[in-house]
Amino acid sequence: MLFWYGHHGGAGWGWLAATVGMVLFWALVITVGILLFRALVRPGPSGGGGPGRYPGWHHEGPPPGASPTAEQILAERYARGEIEDEEYQRRLAVLRSSPGGPKQPDAPGP
C-alpha cells in the first residue's frame, strides 16, 4: 500500500525530508567535485607548474623571488589608474633616458 495516499502517520512530512535530503546530497557531490578540481589544478610546492599545466595561461610577471623592474611597477600603477596617461608617458621617458634604467628597444628600420 502507498502510505503517502493515506493517513498513516507522518502527516505528509516525508516528501519534505526527501527534498531536503536530495538537495544536501547534490550540494555535497558538487562541493567534492569543485574541491577535487581545485586540488588537481593547483600548482605544486615549487610554485610554478609547467608549461602544459595551465593550457592557455601565461605568466607575464617576473620570476618568483625576483623584484619587478621600474617599468613593470610603473605599468602596474598605470593599469590600476593611479597615474594619468601624461604622467605615465613622462615617467617612462625619464626611466628610459636615465643611464642606469632600462633601455628602449631599437625600432626596426623601414
PDB file of N, CA and C in Angstrom:
ATOM      1  N   MET A   1       0.841  -1.177   0.000  1.00  0.00           N
ATOM      2  CA  MET A   1       0.000   0.000   0.000  1.00  0.00           C
ATOM      3  C   MET A   1       0.884   1.239   0.000  1.00  0.00           C
ATOM      4  N   LEU A   2       0.487   2.282  -0.696  1.00  0.00           N
ATOM      5  CA  LEU A   2       1.240   3.521  -0.772  1.00  0.00           C
ATOM      6  C   LEU A   2       0.833   4.412   0.391  1.00  0.00           C
ATOM      7  N   PHE A   3       1.790   4.661   1.287  1.00  0.00           N
ATOM      8  CA  PHE A   3       1.456   5.353   2.525  1.00  0.00           C
ATOM      9  C   PHE A   3       1.187   6.835   2.335  1.00  0.00           C
ATOM     10  N   TRP A   4       1.729   7.453   1.257  1.00  0.00           N
ATOM     11  CA  TRP A   4       1.508   8.882   1.116  1.00  0.00           C
ATOM     12  C   TRP A   4       0.106   9.223   0.627  1.00  0.00           C
ATOM     13  N   TYR A   5      -0.676   8.235   0.235  1.00  0.00           N
ATOM     14  CA  TYR A   5      -2.059   8.487  -0.152  1.00  0.00           C
ATOM     15  C   TYR A   5      -3.020   8.353   1.020  1.00  0.00           C
ATOM     16  N   GLY A   6      -2.584   7.712   2.050  1.00  0.00           N
ATOM     17  CA  GLY A   6      -3.480   7.510   3.180  1.00  0.00           C
ATOM     18  C   GLY A   6      -3.105   8.400   4.346  1.00  0.00           C
ATOM     19  N   HIS A   7      -3.773   8.196   5.441  1.00  0.00           N
ATOM     20  CA  HIS A   7      -3.494   8.950   6.657  1.00  0.00           C
ATOM     21  C   HIS A   7      -2.847   8.017   7.659  1.00  0.00           C
ATOM     22  N   HIS A   8      -1.654   7.544   7.343  1.00  0.00           N
ATOM     23  CA  HIS A   8      -0.977   6.577   8.203  1.00  0.00           C
ATOM     24  C   HIS A   8       0.177   7.222   8.944  1.00  0.00           C
ATOM     25  N   GLY A   9      -0.037   8.305   9.604  1.00  0.00           N
ATOM     26  CA  GLY A   9       1.004   8.961  10.397  1.00  0.00           C
ATOM     27  C   GLY A   9       1.940   9.769   9.519  1.00  0.00           C
ATOM     28  N   GLY A  10       2.734  10.591  10.133  1.00  0.00           N
ATOM     29  CA  GLY A  10       3.711  11.395   9.425  1.00  0.00           C
ATOM     30  C   GLY A  10       3.124  12.659   8.832  1.00  0.00           C
ATOM     31  N   ALA A  11       1.869  12.690   8.591  1.00  0.00           N
ATOM     32  CA  ALA A  11       1.137  13.852   8.093  1.00  0.00           C
ATOM     33  C   ALA A  11       1.788  14.471   6.859  1.00  0.00           C
ATOM     34  N   GLY A  12       2.419  13.669   6.010  1.00  0.00           N
ATOM     35  CA  GLY A  12       2.960  14.167   4.760  1.00  0.00           C
ATOM     36  C   GLY A  12       4.316  14.835   4.853  1.00  0.00           C
ATOM     37  N   TRP A  13       5.059  14.626   5.917  1.00  0.00           N
ATOM     38  CA  TRP A  13       6.375  15.245   6.072  1.00  0.00           C
ATOM     39  C   TRP A  13       7.472  14.467   5.343  1.00  0.00           C
ATOM     40  N   GLY A  14       7.164  13.316   4.832  1.00  0.00           N
ATOM     41  CA  GLY A  14       8.160  12.504   4.145  1.00  0.00           C
ATOM     42  C   GLY A  14       8.689  13.165   2.882  1.00  0.00           C
ATOM     43  N   TRP A  15       7.819  13.836   2.135  1.00  0.00           N
ATOM     44  CA  TRP A  15       8.274  14.498   0.908  1.00  0.00           C
ATOM     45  C   TRP A  15       9.228  15.639   1.210  1.00  0.00           C
ATOM     46  N   LEU A  16       9.024  16.331   2.336  1.00  0.00           N
ATOM     47  CA  LEU A  16       9.913  17.420   2.721  1.00  0.00           C
ATOM     48  C   LEU A  16      11.293  16.882   3.089  1.00  0.00           C
ATOM     49  N   ALA A  17      11.330  15.788   3.836  1.00  0.00           N
ATOM     50  CA  ALA A  17      12.608  15.183   4.218  1.00  0.00           C
ATOM     51  C   ALA A  17      13.355  14.671   2.986  1.00  0.00           C
ATOM     52  N   ALA A  18      12.635  14.083   2.038  1.00  0.00           N
ATOM     53  CA  ALA A  18      13.269  13.595   0.818  1.00  0.00           C
ATOM     54  C   ALA A  18      13.822  14.756  -0.017  1.00  0.00           C
ATOM     55  N   THR A  19      13.101  15.852  -0.091  1.00  0.00           N
ATOM     56  CA  THR A  19      13.560  17.016  -0.847  1.00  0.00           C
ATOM     57  C   THR A  19      14.809  17.621  -0.227  1.00  0.00           C
ATOM     58  N   VAL A  20      14.790  17.814   1.073  1.00  0.00           N
ATOM     59  CA  VAL A  20      15.953  18.364   1.769  1.00  0.00           C
ATOM     60  C   VAL A  20      17.142  17.426   1.627  1.00  0.00           C
ATOM     61  N   GLY A  21      16.911  16.127   1.768  1.00  0.00           N
ATOM     62  CA  GLY A  21      17.986  15.155   1.623  1.00  0.00           C
ATOM     63  C   GLY A  21      18.594  15.173   0.230  1.00  0.00           C
ATOM     64  N   MET A  22      17.770  15.303  -0.789  1.00  0.00           N
ATOM     65  CA  MET A  22      18.270  15.340  -2.172  1.00  0.00           C
ATOM     66  C   MET A  22      19.088  16.601  -2.417  1.00  0.00           C
ATOM     67  N   VAL A  23      18.632  17.742  -1.922  1.00  0.00           N
ATOM     68  CA  VAL A  23      19.380  18.994  -2.089  1.00  0.00           C
ATOM     69  C   VAL A  23      20.731  18.894  -1.379  1.00  0.00           C
ATOM     70  N   LEU A  24      20.753  18.372  -0.176  1.00  0.00           N
ATOM     71  CA  LEU A  24      22.009  18.210   0.557  1.00  0.00           C
ATOM     72  C   LEU A  24      22.947  17.235  -0.152  1.00  0.00           C
ATOM     73  N   PHE A  25      22.411  16.170  -0.694  1.00  0.00           N
ATOM     74  CA  PHE A  25      23.234  15.187  -1.403  1.00  0.00           C
ATOM     75  C   PHE A  25      23.918  15.827  -2.601  1.00  0.00           C
ATOM     76  N   TRP A  26      23.166  16.555  -3.441  1.00  0.00           N
ATOM     77  CA  TRP A  26      23.755  17.158  -4.629  1.00  0.00           C
ATOM     78  C   TRP A  26      24.705  18.296  -4.268  1.00  0.00           C
ATOM     79  N   ALA A  27      24.418  19.018  -3.197  1.00  0.00           N
ATOM     80  CA  ALA A  27      25.352  20.051  -2.740  1.00  0.00           C
ATOM     81  C   ALA A  27      26.680  19.419  -2.328  1.00  0.00           C
ATOM     82  N   LEU A  28      26.626  18.274  -1.658  1.00  0.00           N
ATOM     83  CA  LEU A  28      27.844  17.564  -1.257  1.00  0.00           C
ATOM     84  C   LEU A  28      28.602  17.062  -2.482  1.00  0.00           C
ATOM     85  N   VAL A  29      27.910  16.496  -3.458  1.00  0.00           N
ATOM     86  CA  VAL A  29      28.571  15.991  -4.669  1.00  0.00           C
ATOM     87  C   VAL A  29      29.252  17.135  -5.430  1.00  0.00           C
ATOM     88  N   ILE A  30      28.581  18.272  -5.574  1.00  0.00           N
ATOM     89  CA  ILE A  30      29.154  19.414  -6.288  1.00  0.00           C
ATOM     90  C   ILE A  30      30.347  19.980  -5.527  1.00  0.00           C
ATOM     91  N   THR A  31      30.245  20.094  -4.214  1.00  0.00           N
ATOM     92  CA  THR A  31      31.353  20.608  -3.405  1.00  0.00           C
ATOM     93  C   THR A  31      32.575  19.720  -3.512  1.00  0.00           C
ATOM     94  N   VAL A  32      32.388  18.414  -3.425  1.00  0.00           N
ATOM     95  CA  VAL A  32      33.521  17.492  -3.563  1.00  0.00           C
ATOM     96  C   VAL A  32      34.138  17.607  -4.952  1.00  0.00           C
ATOM     97  N   GLY A  33      33.326  17.747  -5.981  1.00  0.00           N
ATOM     98  CA  GLY A  33      33.839  17.902  -7.337  1.00  0.00           C
ATOM     99  C   GLY A  33      34.675  19.162  -7.497  1.00  0.00           C
ATOM    100  N   ILE A  34      34.211  20.273  -6.954  1.00  0.00           N
ATOM    101  CA  ILE A  34      34.948  21.532  -7.043  1.00  0.00           C
ATOM    102  C   ILE A  34      36.264  21.443  -6.279  1.00  0.00           C
ATOM    103  N   LEU A  35      36.236  20.891  -5.082  1.00  0.00           N
ATOM    104  CA  LEU A  35      37.460  20.764  -4.295  1.00  0.00           C
ATOM    105  C   LEU A  35      38.464  19.837  -4.967  1.00  0.00           C
ATOM    106  N   LEU A  36      37.985  18.774  -5.572  1.00  0.00           N
ATOM    107  CA  LEU A  36      38.869  17.857  -6.287  1.00  0.00           C
ATOM    108  C   LEU A  36      39.494  18.544  -7.496  1.00  0.00           C
ATOM    109  N   PHE A  37      38.707  19.304  -8.247  1.00  0.00           N
ATOM    110  CA  PHE A  37      39.229  20.038  -9.399  1.00  0.00           C
ATOM    111  C   PHE A  37      40.290  21.044  -8.973  1.00  0.00           C
ATOM    112  N   ARG A  38      40.018  21.799  -7.900  1.00  0.00           N
ATOM    113  CA  ARG A  38      40.983  22.791  -7.425  1.00  0.00           C
ATOM    114  C   ARG A  38      42.264  22.137  -6.936  1.00  0.00           C
ATOM    115  N   ALA A  39      42.156  20.975  -6.311  1.00  0.00           N
ATOM    116  CA  ALA A  39      43.349  20.285  -5.821  1.00  0.00           C
ATOM    117  C   ALA A  39      44.193  19.765  -6.976  1.00  0.00           C
ATOM    118  N   LEU A  40      43.564  19.353  -8.059  1.00  0.00           N
ATOM    119  CA  LEU A  40      44.309  18.823  -9.197  1.00  0.00           C
ATOM    120  C   LEU A  40      44.931  19.924 -10.046  1.00  0.00           C
ATOM    121  N   VAL A  41      44.341  21.114 -10.066  1.00  0.00           N
ATOM    122  CA  VAL A  41      44.825  22.194 -10.904  1.00  0.00           C
ATOM    123  C   VAL A  41      45.860  23.051 -10.182  1.00  0.00           C
ATOM    124  N   ARG A  42      45.845  23.055  -8.875  1.00  0.00           N
ATOM    125  CA  ARG A  42      46.754  23.889  -8.090  1.00  0.00           C
ATOM    126  C   ARG A  42      48.201  23.521  -8.384  1.00  0.00           C
ATOM    127  N   PRO A  43      49.087  24.535  -8.558  1.00  0.00           N
ATOM    128  CA  PRO A  43      50.495  24.233  -8.806  1.00  0.00           C
ATOM    129  C   PRO A  43      51.132  23.564  -7.598  1.00  0.00           C
ATOM    130  N   GLY A  44      52.201  22.850  -7.861  1.00  0.00           N
ATOM    131  CA  GLY A  44      52.896  22.120  -6.810  1.00  0.00           C
ATOM    132  C   GLY A  44      53.652  23.035  -5.872  1.00  0.00           C
ATOM    133  N   PRO A  45      54.410  22.461  -4.924  1.00  0.00           N
ATOM    134  CA  PRO A  45      55.129  23.259  -3.946  1.00  0.00           C
ATOM    135  C   PRO A  45      56.227  24.111  -4.556  1.00  0.00           C
ATOM    136  N   SER A  46      56.698  23.781  -5.768  1.00  0.00           N
ATOM    137  CA  SER A  46      57.717  24.604  -6.410  1.00  0.00           C
ATOM    138  C   SER A  46      57.133  25.941  -6.841  1.00  0.00           C
ATOM    139  N   GLY A  47      55.802  26.030  -6.884  1.00  0.00           N
ATOM    140  CA  GLY A  47      55.135  27.282  -7.198  1.00  0.00           C
ATOM    141  C   GLY A  47      54.954  27.542  -8.674  1.00  0.00           C
ATOM    142  N   GLY A  48      55.514  26.714  -9.516  1.00  0.00           N
ATOM    143  CA  GLY A  48      55.484  27.026 -10.941  1.00  0.00           C
ATOM    144  C   GLY A  48      54.375  26.362 -11.681  1.00  0.00           C
ATOM    145  N   GLY A  49      54.401  25.081 -11.766  1.00  0.00           N
ATOM    146  CA  GLY A  49      53.507  24.417 -12.696  1.00  0.00           C
ATOM    147  C   GLY A  49      54.120  24.560 -14.064  1.00  0.00           C
ATOM    148  N   GLY A  50      54.297  23.492 -14.745  1.00  0.00           N
ATOM    149  CA  GLY A  50      54.993  23.505 -16.022  1.00  0.00           C
ATOM    150  C   GLY A  50      54.229  24.213 -17.108  1.00  0.00           C
ATOM    151  N   PRO A  51      54.822  24.292 -18.308  1.00  0.00           N
ATOM    152  CA  PRO A  51      54.163  24.992 -19.401  1.00  0.00           C
ATOM    153  C   PRO A  51      52.824  24.390 -19.777  1.00  0.00           C
ATOM    154  N   GLY A  52      52.658  23.092 -19.655  1.00  0.00           N
ATOM    155  CA  GLY A  52      51.392  22.468 -20.027  1.00  0.00           C
ATOM    156  C   GLY A  52      50.421  22.358 -18.880  1.00  0.00           C
ATOM    157  N   ARG A  53      50.795  22.872 -17.734  1.00  0.00           N
ATOM    158  CA  ARG A  53      49.963  22.723 -16.547  1.00  0.00           C
ATOM    159  C   ARG A  53      48.652  23.483 -16.667  1.00  0.00           C
ATOM    160  N   TYR A  54      48.701  24.718 -17.144  1.00  0.00           N
ATOM    161  CA  TYR A  54      47.507  25.525 -17.339  1.00  0.00           C
ATOM    162  C   TYR A  54      47.436  25.888 -18.817  1.00  0.00           C
ATOM    163  N   PRO A  55      46.735  25.134 -19.626  1.00  0.00           N
ATOM    164  CA  PRO A  55      46.693  25.439 -21.056  1.00  0.00           C
ATOM    165  C   PRO A  55      46.110  26.825 -21.300  1.00  0.00           C
ATOM    166  N   GLY A  56      46.843  27.632 -22.055  1.00  0.00           N
ATOM    167  CA  GLY A  56      46.370  28.963 -22.385  1.00  0.00           C
ATOM    168  C   GLY A  56      46.719  30.025 -21.375  1.00  0.00           C
ATOM    169  N   TRP A  57      47.279  29.674 -20.244  1.00  0.00           N
ATOM    170  CA  TRP A  57      47.631  30.654 -19.230  1.00  0.00           C
ATOM    171  C   TRP A  57      49.119  30.922 -19.325  1.00  0.00           C
ATOM    172  N   HIS A  58      49.494  32.178 -19.319  1.00  0.00           N
ATOM    173  CA  HIS A  58      50.891  32.554 -19.424  1.00  0.00           C
ATOM    174  C   HIS A  58      51.253  33.466 -18.266  1.00  0.00           C
ATOM    175  N   HIS A  59      52.401  33.228 -17.696  1.00  0.00           N
ATOM    176  CA  HIS A  59      52.884  34.064 -16.615  1.00  0.00           C
ATOM    177  C   HIS A  59      53.661  35.219 -17.213  1.00  0.00           C
ATOM    178  N   GLU A  60      53.214  36.447 -16.987  1.00  0.00           N
ATOM    179  CA  GLU A  60      53.840  37.608 -17.593  1.00  0.00           C
ATOM    180  C   GLU A  60      54.738  38.358 -16.622  1.00  0.00           C
ATOM    181  N   GLY A  61      54.670  38.092 -15.354  1.00  0.00           N
ATOM    182  CA  GLY A  61      55.431  38.846 -14.371  1.00  0.00           C
ATOM    183  C   GLY A  61      56.855  38.344 -14.230  1.00  0.00           C
ATOM    184  N   PRO A  62      57.571  38.908 -13.274  1.00  0.00           N
ATOM    185  CA  PRO A  62      58.940  38.474 -13.046  1.00  0.00           C
ATOM    186  C   PRO A  62      58.958  37.062 -12.471  1.00  0.00           C
ATOM    187  N   PRO A  63      60.080  36.365 -12.582  1.00  0.00           N
ATOM    188  CA  PRO A  63      60.157  35.034 -11.998  1.00  0.00           C
ATOM    189  C   PRO A  63      59.978  35.100 -10.486  1.00  0.00           C
ATOM    190  N   PRO A  64      59.490  34.027  -9.855  1.00  0.00           N
ATOM    191  CA  PRO A  64      59.277  34.048  -8.416  1.00  0.00           C
ATOM    192  C   PRO A  64      60.577  34.380  -7.687  1.00  0.00           C
ATOM    193  N   GLY A  65      60.480  35.290  -6.740  1.00  0.00           N
ATOM    194  CA  GLY A  65      61.628  35.678  -5.954  1.00  0.00           C
ATOM    195  C   GLY A  65      62.359  36.880  -6.517  1.00  0.00           C
ATOM    196  N   ALA A  66      62.148  37.241  -7.787  1.00  0.00           N
ATOM    197  CA  ALA A  66      62.806  38.398  -8.390  1.00  0.00           C
ATOM    198  C   ALA A  66      61.938  39.632  -8.192  1.00  0.00           C
ATOM    199  N   SER A  67      62.581  40.772  -8.005  1.00  0.00           N
ATOM    200  CA  SER A  67      61.809  42.003  -7.832  1.00  0.00           C
ATOM    201  C   SER A  67      61.426  42.551  -9.205  1.00  0.00           C
ATOM    202  N   PRO A  68      60.254  43.172  -9.306  1.00  0.00           N
ATOM    203  CA  PRO A  68      59.818  43.714 -10.594  1.00  0.00           C
ATOM    204  C   PRO A  68      60.667  44.925 -10.978  1.00  0.00           C
ATOM    205  N   THR A  69      60.779  45.162 -12.266  1.00  0.00           N
ATOM    206  CA  THR A  69      61.543  46.311 -12.744  1.00  0.00           C
ATOM    207  C   THR A  69      60.743  47.585 -12.534  1.00  0.00           C
ATOM    208  N   ALA A  70      61.426  48.719 -12.688  1.00  0.00           N
ATOM    209  CA  ALA A  70      60.757  50.009 -12.513  1.00  0.00           C
ATOM    210  C   ALA A  70      59.673  50.203 -13.568  1.00  0.00           C
ATOM    211  N   GLU A  71      59.924  49.746 -14.792  1.00  0.00           N
ATOM    212  CA  GLU A  71      58.909  49.873 -15.849  1.00  0.00           C
ATOM    213  C   GLU A  71      57.685  49.018 -15.532  1.00  0.00           C
ATOM    214  N   GLN A  72      57.896  47.840 -14.962  1.00  0.00           N
ATOM    215  CA  GLN A  72      56.751  46.990 -14.616  1.00  0.00           C
ATOM    216  C   GLN A  72      55.926  47.623 -13.507  1.00  0.00           C
ATOM    217  N   ILE A  73      56.582  48.200 -12.513  1.00  0.00           N
ATOM    218  CA  ILE A  73      55.853  48.868 -11.427  1.00  0.00           C
ATOM    219  C   ILE A  73      55.063  50.050 -11.977  1.00  0.00           C
ATOM    220  N   LEU A  74      55.703  50.826 -12.857  1.00  0.00           N
ATOM    221  CA  LEU A  74      55.024  51.972 -13.464  1.00  0.00           C
ATOM    222  C   LEU A  74      53.820  51.522 -14.286  1.00  0.00           C
ATOM    223  N   ALA A  75      53.989  50.453 -15.059  1.00  0.00           N
ATOM    224  CA  ALA A  75      52.886  49.935 -15.879  1.00  0.00           C
ATOM    225  C   ALA A  75      51.743  49.432 -15.001  1.00  0.00           C
ATOM    226  N   GLU A  76      52.054  48.801 -13.873  1.00  0.00           N
ATOM    227  CA  GLU A  76      51.008  48.331 -12.957  1.00  0.00           C
ATOM    228  C   GLU A  76      50.241  49.505 -12.366  1.00  0.00           C
ATOM    229  N   ARG A  77      50.962  50.561 -11.973  1.00  0.00           N
ATOM    230  CA  ARG A  77      50.286  51.744 -11.422  1.00  0.00           C
ATOM    231  C   ARG A  77      49.378  52.392 -12.469  1.00  0.00           C
ATOM    232  N   TYR A  78      49.842  52.433 -13.720  1.00  0.00           N
ATOM    233  CA  TYR A  78      49.033  52.990 -14.805  1.00  0.00           C
ATOM    234  C   TYR A  78      47.794  52.127 -15.049  1.00  0.00           C
ATOM    235  N   ALA A  79      47.976  50.807 -15.014  1.00  0.00           N
ATOM    236  CA  ALA A  79      46.850  49.894 -15.241  1.00  0.00           C
ATOM    237  C   ALA A  79      45.813  49.999 -14.136  1.00  0.00           C
ATOM    238  N   ARG A  80      46.248  50.249 -12.914  1.00  0.00           N
ATOM    239  CA  ARG A  80      45.307  50.395 -11.795  1.00  0.00           C
ATOM    240  C   ARG A  80      44.636  51.759 -11.776  1.00  0.00           C
ATOM    241  N   GLY A  81      45.111  52.695 -12.623  1.00  0.00           N
ATOM    242  CA  GLY A  81      44.506  54.020 -12.669  1.00  0.00           C
ATOM    243  C   GLY A  81      45.071  54.978 -11.639  1.00  0.00           C
ATOM    244  N   GLU A  82      46.208  54.651 -11.041  1.00  0.00           N
ATOM    245  CA  GLU A  82      46.800  55.526 -10.034  1.00  0.00           C
ATOM    246  C   GLU A  82      47.446  56.754 -10.671  1.00  0.00           C
ATOM    247  N   ILE A  83      47.895  56.637 -11.919  1.00  0.00           N
ATOM    248  CA  ILE A  83      48.509  57.763 -12.606  1.00  0.00           C
ATOM    249  C   ILE A  83      47.835  57.942 -13.967  1.00  0.00           C
ATOM    250  N   GLU A  84      47.877  59.171 -14.455  1.00  0.00           N
ATOM    251  CA  GLU A  84      47.251  59.509 -15.737  1.00  0.00           C
ATOM    252  C   GLU A  84      48.189  59.171 -16.891  1.00  0.00           C
ATOM    253  N   ASP A  85      47.656  59.274 -18.103  1.00  0.00           N
ATOM    254  CA  ASP A  85      48.411  58.939 -19.302  1.00  0.00           C
ATOM    255  C   ASP A  85      49.651  59.814 -19.468  1.00  0.00           C
ATOM    256  N   GLU A  86      49.490  61.141 -19.265  1.00  0.00           N
ATOM    257  CA  GLU A  86      50.619  62.063 -19.425  1.00  0.00           C
ATOM    258  C   GLU A  86      51.729  61.743 -18.430  1.00  0.00           C
ATOM    259  N   GLU A  87      51.341  61.506 -17.184  1.00  0.00           N
ATOM    260  CA  GLU A  87      52.346  61.210 -16.161  1.00  0.00           C
ATOM    261  C   GLU A  87      53.045  59.885 -16.463  1.00  0.00           C
ATOM    262  N   TYR A  88      52.289  58.898 -16.947  1.00  0.00           N
ATOM    263  CA  TYR A  88      52.897  57.614 -17.308  1.00  0.00           C
ATOM    264  C   TYR A  88      53.935  57.804 -18.415  1.00  0.00           C
ATOM    265  N   GLN A  89      53.560  58.538 -19.466  1.00  0.00           N
ATOM    266  CA  GLN A  89      54.486  58.766 -20.575  1.00  0.00           C
ATOM    267  C   GLN A  89      55.727  59.536 -20.113  1.00  0.00           C
ATOM    268  N   ARG A  90      55.532  60.546 -19.276  1.00  0.00           N
ATOM    269  CA  ARG A  90      56.654  61.349 -18.786  1.00  0.00           C
ATOM    270  C   ARG A  90      57.610  60.500 -17.954  1.00  0.00           C
ATOM    271  N   ARG A  91      57.064  59.732 -17.026  1.00  0.00           N
ATOM    272  CA  ARG A  91      57.910  58.895 -16.168  1.00  0.00           C
ATOM    273  C   ARG A  91      58.602  57.788 -16.965  1.00  0.00           C
ATOM    274  N   LEU A  92      57.907  57.236 -17.941  1.00  0.00           N
ATOM    275  CA  LEU A  92      58.508  56.201 -18.770  1.00  0.00           C
ATOM    276  C   LEU A  92      59.674  56.763 -19.573  1.00  0.00           C
ATOM    277  N   ALA A  93      59.518  57.988 -20.084  1.00  0.00           N
ATOM    278  CA  ALA A  93      60.609  58.625 -20.820  1.00  0.00           C
ATOM    279  C   ALA A  93      61.799  58.875 -19.906  1.00  0.00           C
ATOM    280  N   VAL A  94      61.536  59.295 -18.676  1.00  0.00           N
ATOM    281  CA  VAL A  94      62.625  59.521 -17.717  1.00  0.00           C
ATOM    282  C   VAL A  94      63.331  58.210 -17.409  1.00  0.00           C
ATOM    283  N   LEU A  95      62.566  57.152 -17.194  1.00  0.00           N
ATOM    284  CA  LEU A  95      63.178  55.848 -16.905  1.00  0.00           C
ATOM    285  C   LEU A  95      64.055  55.377 -18.056  1.00  0.00           C
ATOM    286  N   ARG A  96      63.576  55.543 -19.267  1.00  0.00           N
ATOM    287  CA  ARG A  96      64.319  55.045 -20.424  1.00  0.00           C
ATOM    288  C   ARG A  96      65.505  55.934 -20.779  1.00  0.00           C
ATOM    289  N   SER A  97      65.505  57.191 -20.339  1.00  0.00           N
ATOM    290  CA  SER A  97      66.626  58.074 -20.645  1.00  0.00           C
ATOM    291  C   SER A  97      67.697  58.052 -19.560  1.00  0.00           C
ATOM    292  N   SER A  98      67.382  57.527 -18.387  1.00  0.00           N
ATOM    293  CA  SER A  98      68.378  57.507 -17.309  1.00  0.00           C
ATOM    294  C   SER A  98      69.439  56.457 -17.604  1.00  0.00           C
ATOM    295  N   PRO A  99      70.733  56.739 -17.208  1.00  0.00           N
ATOM    296  CA  PRO A  99      71.818  55.820 -17.540  1.00  0.00           C
ATOM    297  C   PRO A  99      71.676  54.448 -16.889  1.00  0.00           C
ATOM    298  N   GLY A 100      71.117  54.379 -15.705  1.00  0.00           N
ATOM    299  CA  GLY A 100      71.012  53.082 -15.025  1.00  0.00           C
ATOM    300  C   GLY A 100      69.710  52.361 -15.304  1.00  0.00           C
ATOM    301  N   GLY A 101      68.784  53.016 -15.990  1.00  0.00           N
ATOM    302  CA  GLY A 101      67.469  52.447 -16.217  1.00  0.00           C
ATOM    303  C   GLY A 101      67.448  51.548 -17.442  1.00  0.00           C
ATOM    304  N   PRO A 102      66.321  50.936 -17.671  1.00  0.00           N
ATOM    305  CA  PRO A 102      66.193  50.059 -18.844  1.00  0.00           C
ATOM    306  C   PRO A 102      66.241  50.867 -20.115  1.00  0.00           C
ATOM    307  N   LYS A 103      66.810  50.302 -21.131  1.00  0.00           N
ATOM    308  CA  LYS A 103      66.945  50.974 -22.415  1.00  0.00           C
ATOM    309  C   LYS A 103      65.744  50.660 -23.286  1.00  0.00           C
ATOM    310  N   GLN A 104      65.403  51.636 -24.123  1.00  0.00           N
ATOM    311  CA  GLN A 104      64.315  51.448 -25.067  1.00  0.00           C
ATOM    312  C   GLN A 104      64.800  50.546 -26.196  1.00  0.00           C
ATOM    313  N   PRO A 105      64.022  49.538 -26.571  1.00  0.00           N
ATOM    314  CA  PRO A 105      64.469  48.648 -27.640  1.00  0.00           C
ATOM    315  C   PRO A 105      64.592  49.402 -28.954  1.00  0.00           C
ATOM    316  N   ASP A 106      65.553  48.978 -29.774  1.00  0.00           N
ATOM    317  CA  ASP A 106      65.769  49.616 -31.070  1.00  0.00           C
ATOM    318  C   ASP A 106      64.565  49.377 -31.962  1.00  0.00           C
ATOM    319  N   ALA A 107      64.116  50.432 -32.624  1.00  0.00           N
ATOM    320  CA  ALA A 107      62.976  50.300 -33.535  1.00  0.00           C
ATOM    321  C   ALA A 107      63.490  49.757 -34.866  1.00  0.00           C
ATOM    322  N   PRO A 108      62.787  48.799 -35.452  1.00  0.00           N
ATOM    323  CA  PRO A 108      63.216  48.278 -36.740  1.00  0.00           C
ATOM    324  C   PRO A 108      63.085  49.344 -37.816  1.00  0.00           C
ATOM    325  N   GLY A 109      64.053  49.410 -38.698  1.00  0.00           N
ATOM    326  CA  GLY A 109      64.039  50.414 -39.769  1.00  0.00           C
ATOM    327  C   GLY A 109      63.134  49.994 -40.900  1.00  0.00           C
ATOM    328  N   PRO A 110      62.666  51.001 -41.674  1.00  0.00           N
ATOM    329  CA  PRO A 110      61.761  50.660 -42.792  1.00  0.00           C
ATOM    330  C   PRO A 110      62.477  50.045 -43.958  1.00  0.00           C
TER     331      PRO A 110
END
